[in-house]
Amino acid sequence: MFLHTHFRILSVASFLLSTLSFFTLLLSKSIRLTFPFNIGLLTLYNISQSLMICVFSTFVSTKMVFLGSIHTFCVFLAITLFSHQANSKFELTLVIIFTIND
């Protein structure tokens, strides 16, 4: 019930916090490489992204949230398995170059 009554404040605040922490990590090399600050900003980014997903998923049916979670897990698994493969002859570098140049 708290999410339904305060969803605008929570979604805007979490969006601003995640954007601020993302660009701070992206643009400031000294903060990105300093130990307690980089972990703190990464934690803040992950918590604010999780809060945004939580707020937005309260307005969508449970079946759609579950299907989105399954699709995300399948893409994560495919990318992880592709990056851990032992065969280095199969690569997608040329495919990416050709799609960028077109």
PDB file of N, CA and C in Angstrom:
ATOM      1  N   MET A   1       0.810  -1.192   0.000  1.00  0.00           N
ATOM      2  CA  MET A   1       0.000   0.000   0.000  1.00  0.00           C
ATOM      3  C   MET A   1       0.859   1.265   0.000  1.00  0.00           C
ATOM      4  N   PHE A   2       2.016   1.187   0.658  1.00  0.00           N
ATOM      5  CA  PHE A   2       2.906   2.346   0.691  1.00  0.00           C
ATOM      6  C   PHE A   2       3.401   2.704  -0.702  1.00  0.00           C
ATOM      7  N   LEU A   3       3.685   1.684  -1.533  1.00  0.00           N
ATOM      8  CA  LEU A   3       4.169   1.953  -2.884  1.00  0.00           C
ATOM      9  C   LEU A   3       3.101   2.605  -3.755  1.00  0.00           C
ATOM     10  N   HIS A   4       1.850   2.221  -3.567  1.00  0.00           N
ATOM     11  CA  HIS A   4       0.780   2.797  -4.384  1.00  0.00           C
ATOM     12  C   HIS A   4       0.486   4.249  -4.021  1.00  0.00           C
ATOM     13  N   THR A   5       0.713   4.626  -2.775  1.00  0.00           N
ATOM     14  CA  THR A   5       0.421   6.000  -2.394  1.00  0.00           C
ATOM     15  C   THR A   5       1.601   6.945  -2.639  1.00  0.00           C
ATOM     16  N   HIS A   6       2.820   6.433  -2.617  1.00  0.00           N
ATOM     17  CA  HIS A   6       4.006   7.275  -2.775  1.00  0.00           C
ATOM     18  C   HIS A   6       4.838   6.890  -4.004  1.00  0.00           C
ATOM     19  N   PHE A   7       4.212   6.325  -5.036  1.00  0.00           N
ATOM     20  CA  PHE A   7       4.985   5.813  -6.156  1.00  0.00           C
ATOM     21  C   PHE A   7       5.681   6.914  -6.949  1.00  0.00           C
ATOM     22  N   ARG A   8       5.092   8.095  -7.049  1.00  0.00           N
ATOM     23  CA  ARG A   8       5.725   9.170  -7.811  1.00  0.00           C
ATOM     24  C   ARG A   8       7.005   9.641  -7.136  1.00  0.00           C
ATOM     25  N   ILE A   9       6.954   9.826  -5.838  1.00  0.00           N
ATOM     26  CA  ILE A   9       8.132  10.285  -5.105  1.00  0.00           C
ATOM     27  C   ILE A   9       9.225   9.230  -5.139  1.00  0.00           C
ATOM     28  N   LEU A  10       8.851   7.971  -4.921  1.00  0.00           N
ATOM     29  CA  LEU A  10       9.842   6.896  -4.908  1.00  0.00           C
ATOM     30  C   LEU A  10      10.472   6.684  -6.278  1.00  0.00           C
ATOM     31  N   SER A  11       9.677   6.730  -7.326  1.00  0.00           N
ATOM     32  CA  SER A  11      10.236   6.488  -8.658  1.00  0.00           C
ATOM     33  C   SER A  11      11.133   7.633  -9.099  1.00  0.00           C
ATOM     34  N   VAL A  12      10.748   8.866  -8.838  1.00  0.00           N
ATOM     35  CA  VAL A  12      11.595  10.002  -9.212  1.00  0.00           C
ATOM     36  C   VAL A  12      12.868  10.027  -8.379  1.00  0.00           C
ATOM     37  N   ALA A  13      12.745   9.783  -7.079  1.00  0.00           N
ATOM     38  CA  ALA A  13      13.929   9.786  -6.212  1.00  0.00           C
ATOM     39  C   ALA A  13      14.894   8.663  -6.584  1.00  0.00           C
ATOM     40  N   SER A  14      14.370   7.480  -6.851  1.00  0.00           N
ATOM     41  CA  SER A  14      15.258   6.378  -7.226  1.00  0.00           C
ATOM     42  C   SER A  14      15.881   6.608  -8.595  1.00  0.00           C
ATOM     43  N   PHE A  15      15.127   7.214  -9.513  1.00  0.00           N
ATOM     44  CA  PHE A  15      15.701   7.538 -10.826  1.00  0.00           C
ATOM     45  C   PHE A  15      16.826   8.554 -10.690  1.00  0.00           C
ATOM     46  N   LEU A  16      16.606   9.596  -9.893  1.00  0.00           N
ATOM     47  CA  LEU A  16      17.649  10.613  -9.717  1.00  0.00           C
ATOM     48  C   LEU A  16      18.879  10.051  -9.009  1.00  0.00           C
ATOM     49  N   LEU A  17      18.674   9.228  -7.990  1.00  0.00           N
ATOM     50  CA  LEU A  17      19.806   8.623  -7.289  1.00  0.00           C
ATOM     51  C   LEU A  17      20.590   7.680  -8.181  1.00  0.00           C
ATOM     52  N   SER A  18      19.905   6.878  -8.976  1.00  0.00           N
ATOM     53  CA  SER A  18      20.620   5.953  -9.855  1.00  0.00           C
ATOM     54  C   SER A  18      21.357   6.703 -10.958  1.00  0.00           C
ATOM     55  N   THR A  19      20.744   7.742 -11.502  1.00  0.00           N
ATOM     56  CA  THR A  19      21.412   8.531 -12.532  1.00  0.00           C
ATOM     57  C   THR A  19      22.622   9.269 -11.975  1.00  0.00           C
ATOM     58  N   LEU A  20      22.467   9.848 -10.800  1.00  0.00           N
ATOM     59  CA  LEU A  20      23.579  10.558 -10.177  1.00  0.00           C
ATOM     60  C   LEU A  20      24.734   9.617  -9.850  1.00  0.00           C
ATOM     61  N   SER A  21      24.444   8.474  -9.279  1.00  0.00           N
ATOM     62  CA  SER A  21      25.520   7.539  -8.950  1.00  0.00           C
ATOM     63  C   SER A  21      26.154   6.949 -10.206  1.00  0.00           C
ATOM     64  N   PHE A  22      25.358   6.703 -11.254  1.00  0.00           N
ATOM     65  CA  PHE A  22      25.909   6.168 -12.501  1.00  0.00           C
ATOM     66  C   PHE A  22      26.868   7.159 -13.142  1.00  0.00           C
ATOM     67  N   PHE A  23      26.441   8.412 -13.278  1.00  0.00           N
ATOM     68  CA  PHE A  23      27.314   9.384 -13.926  1.00  0.00           C
ATOM     69  C   PHE A  23      28.513   9.763 -13.057  1.00  0.00           C
ATOM     70  N   THR A  24      28.375   9.682 -11.751  1.00  0.00           N
ATOM     71  CA  THR A  24      29.523   9.912 -10.878  1.00  0.00           C
ATOM     72  C   THR A  24      30.566   8.828 -11.084  1.00  0.00           C
ATOM     73  N   LEU A  25      30.128   7.579 -11.155  1.00  0.00           N
ATOM     74  CA  LEU A  25      31.065   6.491 -11.415  1.00  0.00           C
ATOM     75  C   LEU A  25      31.633   6.553 -12.829  1.00  0.00           C
ATOM     76  N   LEU A  26      30.851   7.011 -13.764  1.00  0.00           N
ATOM     77  CA  LEU A  26      31.298   7.069 -15.153  1.00  0.00           C
ATOM     78  C   LEU A  26      32.300   8.190 -15.393  1.00  0.00           C
ATOM     79  N   LEU A  27      32.060   9.339 -14.824  1.00  0.00           N
ATOM     80  CA  LEU A  27      32.853  10.515 -15.162  1.00  0.00           C
ATOM     81  C   LEU A  27      34.007  10.803 -14.213  1.00  0.00           C
ATOM     82  N   SER A  28      33.953  10.333 -12.987  1.00  0.00           N
ATOM     83  CA  SER A  28      35.002  10.642 -12.017  1.00  0.00           C
ATOM     84  C   SER A  28      35.895   9.425 -11.817  1.00  0.00           C
ATOM     85  N   LYS A  29      37.094   9.505 -12.392  1.00  0.00           N
ATOM     86  CA  LYS A  29      38.013   8.371 -12.297  1.00  0.00           C
ATOM     87  C   LYS A  29      38.539   8.199 -10.874  1.00  0.00           C
ATOM     88  N   SER A  30      38.733   9.292 -10.153  1.00  0.00           N
ATOM     89  CA  SER A  30      39.272   9.184  -8.793  1.00  0.00           C
ATOM     90  C   SER A  30      38.264   8.510  -7.855  1.00  0.00           C
ATOM     91  N   ILE A  31      36.994   8.827  -7.995  1.00  0.00           N
ATOM     92  CA  ILE A  31      35.971   8.178  -7.160  1.00  0.00           C
ATOM     93  C   ILE A  31      35.772   6.734  -7.601  1.00  0.00           C
ATOM     94  N   ARG A  32      35.833   6.495  -8.905  1.00  0.00           N
ATOM     95  CA  ARG A  32      35.642   5.145  -9.422  1.00  0.00           C
ATOM     96  C   ARG A  32      36.724   4.192  -8.932  1.00  0.00           C
ATOM     97  N   LEU A  33      37.934   4.686  -8.700  1.00  0.00           N
ATOM     98  CA  LEU A  33      39.037   3.825  -8.281  1.00  0.00           C
ATOM     99  C   LEU A  33      39.318   3.869  -6.784  1.00  0.00           C
ATOM    100  N   THR A  34      38.597   4.672  -6.019  1.00  0.00           N
ATOM    101  CA  THR A  34      38.785   4.746  -4.575  1.00  0.00           C
ATOM    102  C   THR A  34      37.859   3.737  -3.906  1.00  0.00           C
ATOM    103  N   PHE A  35      38.426   2.911  -3.010  1.00  0.00           N
ATOM    104  CA  PHE A  35      37.703   1.743  -2.498  1.00  0.00           C
ATOM    105  C   PHE A  35      36.379   2.021  -1.805  1.00  0.00           C
ATOM    106  N   PRO A  36      36.292   2.774  -0.747  1.00  0.00           N
ATOM    107  CA  PRO A  36      34.961   2.799  -0.112  1.00  0.00           C
ATOM    108  C   PRO A  36      33.910   3.537  -0.927  1.00  0.00           C
ATOM    109  N   PHE A  37      34.331   4.503  -1.742  1.00  0.00           N
ATOM    110  CA  PHE A  37      33.345   5.298  -2.490  1.00  0.00           C
ATOM    111  C   PHE A  37      32.761   4.526  -3.667  1.00  0.00           C
ATOM    112  N   ASN A  38      33.594   3.749  -4.361  1.00  0.00           N
ATOM    113  CA  ASN A  38      33.076   3.032  -5.527  1.00  0.00           C
ATOM    114  C   ASN A  38      32.083   1.944  -5.124  1.00  0.00           C
ATOM    115  N   ILE A  39      32.351   1.249  -4.034  1.00  0.00           N
ATOM    116  CA  ILE A  39      31.413   0.222  -3.584  1.00  0.00           C
ATOM    117  C   ILE A  39      30.123   0.870  -3.069  1.00  0.00           C
ATOM    118  N   GLY A  40      30.251   1.989  -2.381  1.00  0.00           N
ATOM    119  CA  GLY A  40      29.065   2.687  -1.887  1.00  0.00           C
ATOM    120  C   GLY A  40      28.184   3.200  -3.005  1.00  0.00           C
ATOM    121  N   LEU A  41      28.797   3.785  -4.047  1.00  0.00           N
ATOM    122  CA  LEU A  41      28.006   4.289  -5.176  1.00  0.00           C
ATOM    123  C   LEU A  41      27.388   3.150  -5.978  1.00  0.00           C
ATOM    124  N   LEU A  42      28.103   2.055  -6.116  1.00  0.00           N
ATOM    125  CA  LEU A  42      27.542   0.906  -6.821  1.00  0.00           C
ATOM    126  C   LEU A  42      26.380   0.299  -6.038  1.00  0.00           C
ATOM    127  N   THR A  43      26.501   0.268  -4.722  1.00  0.00           N
ATOM    128  CA  THR A  43      25.402  -0.203  -3.879  1.00  0.00           C
ATOM    129  C   THR A  43      24.194   0.721  -3.983  1.00  0.00           C
ATOM    130  N   LEU A  44      24.439   2.029  -3.955  1.00  0.00           N
ATOM    131  CA  LEU A  44      23.354   3.000  -4.108  1.00  0.00           C
ATOM    132  C   LEU A  44      22.668   2.850  -5.463  1.00  0.00           C
ATOM    133  N   TYR A  45      23.446   2.634  -6.512  1.00  0.00           N
ATOM    134  CA  TYR A  45      22.878   2.438  -7.849  1.00  0.00           C
ATOM    135  C   TYR A  45      22.002   1.186  -7.890  1.00  0.00           C
ATOM    136  N   ASN A  46      22.491   0.080  -7.351  1.00  0.00           N
ATOM    137  CA  ASN A  46      21.723  -1.169  -7.380  1.00  0.00           C
ATOM    138  C   ASN A  46      20.457  -1.081  -6.539  1.00  0.00           C
ATOM    139  N   ILE A  47      20.535  -0.457  -5.377  1.00  0.00           N
ATOM    140  CA  ILE A  47      19.345  -0.325  -4.536  1.00  0.00           C
ATOM    141  C   ILE A  47      18.300   0.568  -5.200  1.00  0.00           C
ATOM    142  N   SER A  48      18.734   1.662  -5.806  1.00  0.00           N
ATOM    143  CA  SER A  48      17.765   2.551  -6.446  1.00  0.00           C
ATOM    144  C   SER A  48      17.157   1.910  -7.696  1.00  0.00           C
ATOM    145  N   GLN A  49      17.939   1.136  -8.443  1.00  0.00           N
ATOM    146  CA  GLN A  49      17.371   0.418  -9.587  1.00  0.00           C
ATOM    147  C   GLN A  49      16.370  -0.641  -9.125  1.00  0.00           C
ATOM    148  N   SER A  50      16.687  -1.335  -8.047  1.00  0.00           N
ATOM    149  CA  SER A  50      15.760  -2.337  -7.509  1.00  0.00           C
ATOM    150  C   SER A  50      14.473  -1.690  -7.025  1.00  0.00           C
ATOM    151  N   LEU A  51      14.592  -0.522  -6.426  1.00  0.00           N
ATOM    152  CA  LEU A  51      13.394   0.190  -5.965  1.00  0.00           C
ATOM    153  C   LEU A  51      12.535   0.635  -7.146  1.00  0.00           C
ATOM    154  N   MET A  52      13.171   1.083  -8.220  1.00  0.00           N
ATOM    155  CA  MET A  52      12.398   1.464  -9.406  1.00  0.00           C
ATOM    156  C   MET A  52      11.674   0.268 -10.007  1.00  0.00           C
ATOM    157  N   ILE A  53      12.357  -0.870 -10.087  1.00  0.00           N
ATOM    158  CA  ILE A  53      11.710  -2.078 -10.609  1.00  0.00           C
ATOM    159  C   ILE A  53      10.564  -2.499  -9.711  1.00  0.00           C
ATOM    160  N   CYS A  54      10.759  -2.374  -8.408  1.00  0.00           N
ATOM    161  CA  CYS A  54       9.696  -2.721  -7.459  1.00  0.00           C
ATOM    162  C   CYS A  54       8.481  -1.820  -7.630  1.00  0.00           C
ATOM    163  N   VAL A  55       8.710  -0.528  -7.778  1.00  0.00           N
ATOM    164  CA  VAL A  55       7.596   0.411  -7.940  1.00  0.00           C
ATOM    165  C   VAL A  55       6.859   0.156  -9.245  1.00  0.00           C
ATOM    166  N   PHE A  56       7.589  -0.043 -10.330  1.00  0.00           N
ATOM    167  CA  PHE A  56       6.928  -0.234 -11.620  1.00  0.00           C
ATOM    168  C   PHE A  56       6.252  -1.599 -11.727  1.00  0.00           C
ATOM    169  N   SER A  57       6.791  -2.605 -11.045  1.00  0.00           N
ATOM    170  CA  SER A  57       6.173  -3.923 -11.150  1.00  0.00           C
ATOM    171  C   SER A  57       4.904  -4.048 -10.318  1.00  0.00           C
ATOM    172  N   THR A  58       4.647  -3.105  -9.419  1.00  0.00           N
ATOM    173  CA  THR A  58       3.384  -3.154  -8.680  1.00  0.00           C
ATOM    174  C   THR A  58       2.191  -2.788  -9.556  1.00  0.00           C
ATOM    175  N   PHE A  59       2.441  -2.133 -10.670  1.00  0.00           N
ATOM    176  CA  PHE A  59       1.358  -1.713 -11.558  1.00  0.00           C
ATOM    177  C   PHE A  59       1.143  -2.663 -12.723  1.00  0.00           C
ATOM    178  N   VAL A  60       1.916  -3.729 -12.788  1.00  0.00           N
ATOM    179  CA  VAL A  60       1.825  -4.690 -13.883  1.00  0.00           C
ATOM    180  C   VAL A  60       1.381  -6.023 -13.286  1.00  0.00           C
ATOM    181  N   SER A  61       0.755  -6.846 -14.099  1.00  0.00           N
ATOM    182  CA  SER A  61       0.275  -8.130 -13.595  1.00  0.00           C
ATOM    183  C   SER A  61       1.460  -9.035 -13.212  1.00  0.00           C
ATOM    184  N   THR A  62       1.195  -9.961 -12.335  1.00  0.00           N
ATOM    185  CA  THR A  62       2.221 -10.861 -11.835  1.00  0.00           C
ATOM    186  C   THR A  62       2.777 -11.743 -12.942  1.00  0.00           C
ATOM    187  N   LYS A  63       1.937 -12.135 -13.854  1.00  0.00           N
ATOM    188  CA  LYS A  63       2.382 -12.982 -14.965  1.00  0.00           C
ATOM    189  C   LYS A  63       3.396 -12.248 -15.841  1.00  0.00           C
ATOM    190  N   MET A  64       3.160 -10.977 -16.101  1.00  0.00           N
ATOM    191  CA  MET A  64       4.098 -10.213 -16.934  1.00  0.00           C
ATOM    192  C   MET A  64       5.424 -10.000 -16.216  1.00  0.00           C
ATOM    193  N   VAL A  65       5.394  -9.763 -14.914  1.00  0.00           N
ATOM    194  CA  VAL A  65       6.634  -9.606 -14.150  1.00  0.00           C
ATOM    195  C   VAL A  65       7.420 -10.905 -14.158  1.00  0.00           C
ATOM    196  N   PHE A  66       6.722 -12.029 -13.995  1.00  0.00           N
ATOM    197  CA  PHE A  66       7.384 -13.324 -14.011  1.00  0.00           C
ATOM    198  C   PHE A  66       7.983 -13.627 -15.375  1.00  0.00           C
ATOM    199  N   LEU A  67       7.258 -13.349 -16.452  1.00  0.00           N
ATOM    200  CA  LEU A  67       7.785 -13.582 -17.797  1.00  0.00           C
ATOM    201  C   LEU A  67       8.989 -12.686 -18.093  1.00  0.00           C
ATOM    202  N   GLY A  68       8.937 -11.445 -17.641  1.00  0.00           N
ATOM    203  CA  GLY A  68      10.083 -10.560 -17.808  1.00  0.00           C
ATOM    204  C   GLY A  68      11.300 -11.052 -17.040  1.00  0.00           C
ATOM    205  N   SER A  69      11.080 -11.604 -15.868  1.00  0.00           N
ATOM    206  CA  SER A  69      12.182 -12.157 -15.082  1.00  0.00           C
ATOM    207  C   SER A  69      12.787 -13.374 -15.765  1.00  0.00           C
ATOM    208  N   ILE A  70      11.947 -14.227 -16.315  1.00  0.00           N
ATOM    209  CA  ILE A  70      12.444 -15.409 -17.030  1.00  0.00           C
ATOM    210  C   ILE A  70      13.229 -15.002 -18.268  1.00  0.00           C
ATOM    211  N   HIS A  71      12.737 -14.031 -19.030  1.00  0.00           N
ATOM    212  CA  HIS A  71      13.463 -13.568 -20.218  1.00  0.00           C
ATOM    213  C   HIS A  71      14.807 -12.950 -19.845  1.00  0.00           C
ATOM    214  N   THR A  72      14.824 -12.154 -18.789  1.00  0.00           N
ATOM    215  CA  THR A  72      16.074 -11.553 -18.339  1.00  0.00           C
ATOM    216  C   THR A  72      17.065 -12.617 -17.901  1.00  0.00           C
ATOM    217  N   PHE A  73      16.594 -13.636 -17.191  1.00  0.00           N
ATOM    218  CA  PHE A  73      17.475 -14.710 -16.766  1.00  0.00           C
ATOM    219  C   PHE A  73      18.023 -15.485 -17.959  1.00  0.00           C
ATOM    220  N   CYS A  74      17.206 -15.736 -18.978  1.00  0.00           N
ATOM    221  CA  CYS A  74      17.675 -16.466 -20.164  1.00  0.00           C
ATOM    222  C   CYS A  74      18.741 -15.678 -20.921  1.00  0.00           C
ATOM    223  N   VAL A  75      18.550 -14.374 -21.060  1.00  0.00           N
ATOM    224  CA  VAL A  75      19.555 -13.544 -21.727  1.00  0.00           C
ATOM    225  C   VAL A  75      20.833 -13.507 -20.908  1.00  0.00           C
ATOM    226  N   PHE A  76      20.723 -13.376 -19.594  1.00  0.00           N
ATOM    227  CA  PHE A  76      21.891 -13.396 -18.715  1.00  0.00           C
ATOM    228  C   PHE A  76      22.634 -14.715 -18.843  1.00  0.00           C
ATOM    229  N   LEU A  77      21.913 -15.832 -18.857  1.00  0.00           N
ATOM    230  CA  LEU A  77      22.544 -17.140 -18.975  1.00  0.00           C
ATOM    231  C   LEU A  77      23.230 -17.314 -20.326  1.00  0.00           C
ATOM    232  N   ALA A  78      22.601 -16.850 -21.399  1.00  0.00           N
ATOM    233  CA  ALA A  78      23.208 -16.966 -22.725  1.00  0.00           C
ATOM    234  C   ALA A  78      24.483 -16.142 -22.829  1.00  0.00           C
ATOM    235  N   ILE A  79      24.475 -14.922 -22.313  1.00  0.00           N
ATOM    236  CA  ILE A  79      25.672 -14.087 -22.368  1.00  0.00           C
ATOM    237  C   ILE A  79      26.773 -14.666 -21.496  1.00  0.00           C
ATOM    238  N   THR A  80      26.416 -15.191 -20.329  1.00  0.00           N
ATOM    239  CA  THR A  80      27.419 -15.787 -19.444  1.00  0.00           C
ATOM    240  C   THR A  80      28.030 -17.026 -20.070  1.00  0.00           C
ATOM    241  N   LEU A  81      27.219 -17.902 -20.641  1.00  0.00           N
ATOM    242  CA  LEU A  81      27.755 -19.096 -21.289  1.00  0.00           C
ATOM    243  C   LEU A  81      28.595 -18.745 -22.510  1.00  0.00           C
ATOM    244  N   PHE A  82      28.189 -17.731 -23.253  1.00  0.00           N
ATOM    245  CA  PHE A  82      28.968 -17.308 -24.421  1.00  0.00           C
ATOM    246  C   PHE A  82      30.321 -16.746 -23.999  1.00  0.00           C
ATOM    247  N   SER A  83      30.367 -16.014 -22.913  1.00  0.00           N
ATOM    248  CA  SER A  83      31.631 -15.404 -22.500  1.00  0.00           C
ATOM    249  C   SER A  83      32.571 -16.404 -21.837  1.00  0.00           C
ATOM    250  N   HIS A  84      32.066 -17.542 -21.374  1.00  0.00           N
ATOM    251  CA  HIS A  84      32.913 -18.550 -20.738  1.00  0.00           C
ATOM    252  C   HIS A  84      33.265 -19.712 -21.664  1.00  0.00           C
ATOM    253  N   GLN A  85      33.036 -19.571 -22.930  1.00  0.00           N
ATOM    254  CA  GLN A  85      33.317 -20.673 -23.841  1.00  0.00           C
ATOM    255  C   GLN A  85      34.813 -20.825 -24.069  1.00  0.00           C
ATOM    256  N   ALA A  86      35.241 -22.051 -24.322  1.00  0.00           N
ATOM    257  CA  ALA A  86      36.651 -22.335 -24.521  1.00  0.00           C
ATOM    258  C   ALA A  86      37.075 -22.172 -25.982  1.00  0.00           C
ATOM    259  N   ASN A  87      36.140 -22.229 -26.912  1.00  0.00           N
ATOM    260  CA  ASN A  87      36.450 -22.121 -28.331  1.00  0.00           C
ATOM    261  C   ASN A  87      36.577 -20.655 -28.714  1.00  0.00           C
ATOM    262  N   SER A  88      37.791 -20.208 -28.979  1.00  0.00           N
ATOM    263  CA  SER A  88      37.990 -18.799 -29.325  1.00  0.00           C
ATOM    264  C   SER A  88      37.851 -18.539 -30.818  1.00  0.00           C
ATOM    265  N   LYS A  89      37.624 -19.586 -31.623  1.00  0.00           N
ATOM    266  CA  LYS A  89      37.450 -19.390 -33.056  1.00  0.00           C
ATOM    267  C   LYS A  89      36.076 -18.801 -33.389  1.00  0.00           C
ATOM    268  N   PHE A  90      35.117 -19.015 -32.524  1.00  0.00           N
ATOM    269  CA  PHE A  90      33.765 -18.492 -32.751  1.00  0.00           C
ATOM    270  C   PHE A  90      33.619 -17.177 -32.013  1.00  0.00           C
ATOM    271  N   GLU A  91      33.597 -16.093 -32.752  1.00  0.00           N
ATOM    272  CA  GLU A  91      33.461 -14.788 -32.129  1.00  0.00           C
ATOM    273  C   GLU A  91      32.509 -13.926 -32.945  1.00  0.00           C
ATOM    274  N   LEU A  92      31.982 -12.916 -32.319  1.00  0.00           N
ATOM    275  CA  LEU A  92      31.011 -12.041 -32.967  1.00  0.00           C
ATOM    276  C   LEU A  92      31.561 -10.642 -33.237  1.00  0.00           C
ATOM    277  N   THR A  93      32.878 -10.496 -33.193  1.00  0.00           N
ATOM    278  CA  THR A  93      33.468  -9.180 -33.391  1.00  0.00           C
ATOM    279  C   THR A  93      33.194  -8.645 -34.793  1.00  0.00           C
ATOM    280  N   LEU A  94      33.328  -9.478 -35.798  1.00  0.00           N
ATOM    281  CA  LEU A  94      33.089  -9.031 -37.175  1.00  0.00           C
ATOM    282  C   LEU A  94      31.624  -8.691 -37.403  1.00  0.00           C
ATOM    283  N   VAL A  95      30.718  -9.399 -36.772  1.00  0.00           N
ATOM    284  CA  VAL A  95      29.288  -9.115 -36.898  1.00  0.00           C
ATOM    285  C   VAL A  95      28.978  -7.730 -36.321  1.00  0.00           C
ATOM    286  N   ILE A  96      29.582  -7.421 -35.196  1.00  0.00           N
ATOM    287  CA  ILE A  96      29.354  -6.119 -34.572  1.00  0.00           C
ATOM    288  C   ILE A  96      29.930  -5.001 -35.432  1.00  0.00           C
ATOM    289  N   ILE A  97      31.106  -5.220 -36.012  1.00  0.00           N
ATOM    290  CA  ILE A  97      31.728  -4.198 -36.876  1.00  0.00           C
ATOM    291  C   ILE A  97      30.861  -3.942 -38.101  1.00  0.00           C
ATOM    292  N   PHE A  98      30.344  -5.009 -38.709  1.00  0.00           N
ATOM    293  CA  PHE A  98      29.514  -4.835 -39.901  1.00  0.00           C
ATOM    294  C   PHE A  98      28.189  -4.162 -39.590  1.00  0.00           C
ATOM    295  N   THR A  99      27.613  -4.403 -38.427  1.00  0.00           N
ATOM    296  CA  THR A  99      26.335  -3.762 -38.099  1.00  0.00           C
ATOM    297  C   THR A  99      26.528  -2.291 -37.720  1.00  0.00           C
ATOM    298  N   ILE A 100      27.684  -1.952 -37.161  1.00  0.00           N
ATOM    299  CA  ILE A 100      27.930  -0.545 -36.810  1.00  0.00           C
ATOM    300  C   ILE A 100      28.198   0.278 -38.052  1.00  0.00           C
ATOM    301  N   ASN A 101      28.917  -0.266 -39.021  1.00  0.00           N
ATOM    302  CA  ASN A 101      29.276   0.478 -40.225  1.00  0.00           C
ATOM    303  C   ASN A 101      28.114   0.671 -41.190  1.00  0.00           C
ATOM    304  N   ASP A 102      27.076  -0.112 -41.083  1.00  0.00           N
ATOM    305  CA  ASP A 102      25.954   0.015 -42.034  1.00  0.00           C
ATOM    306  C   ASP A 102      25.084   1.150 -41.729  1.00  0.00           C
TER     307      ASP A 102
END
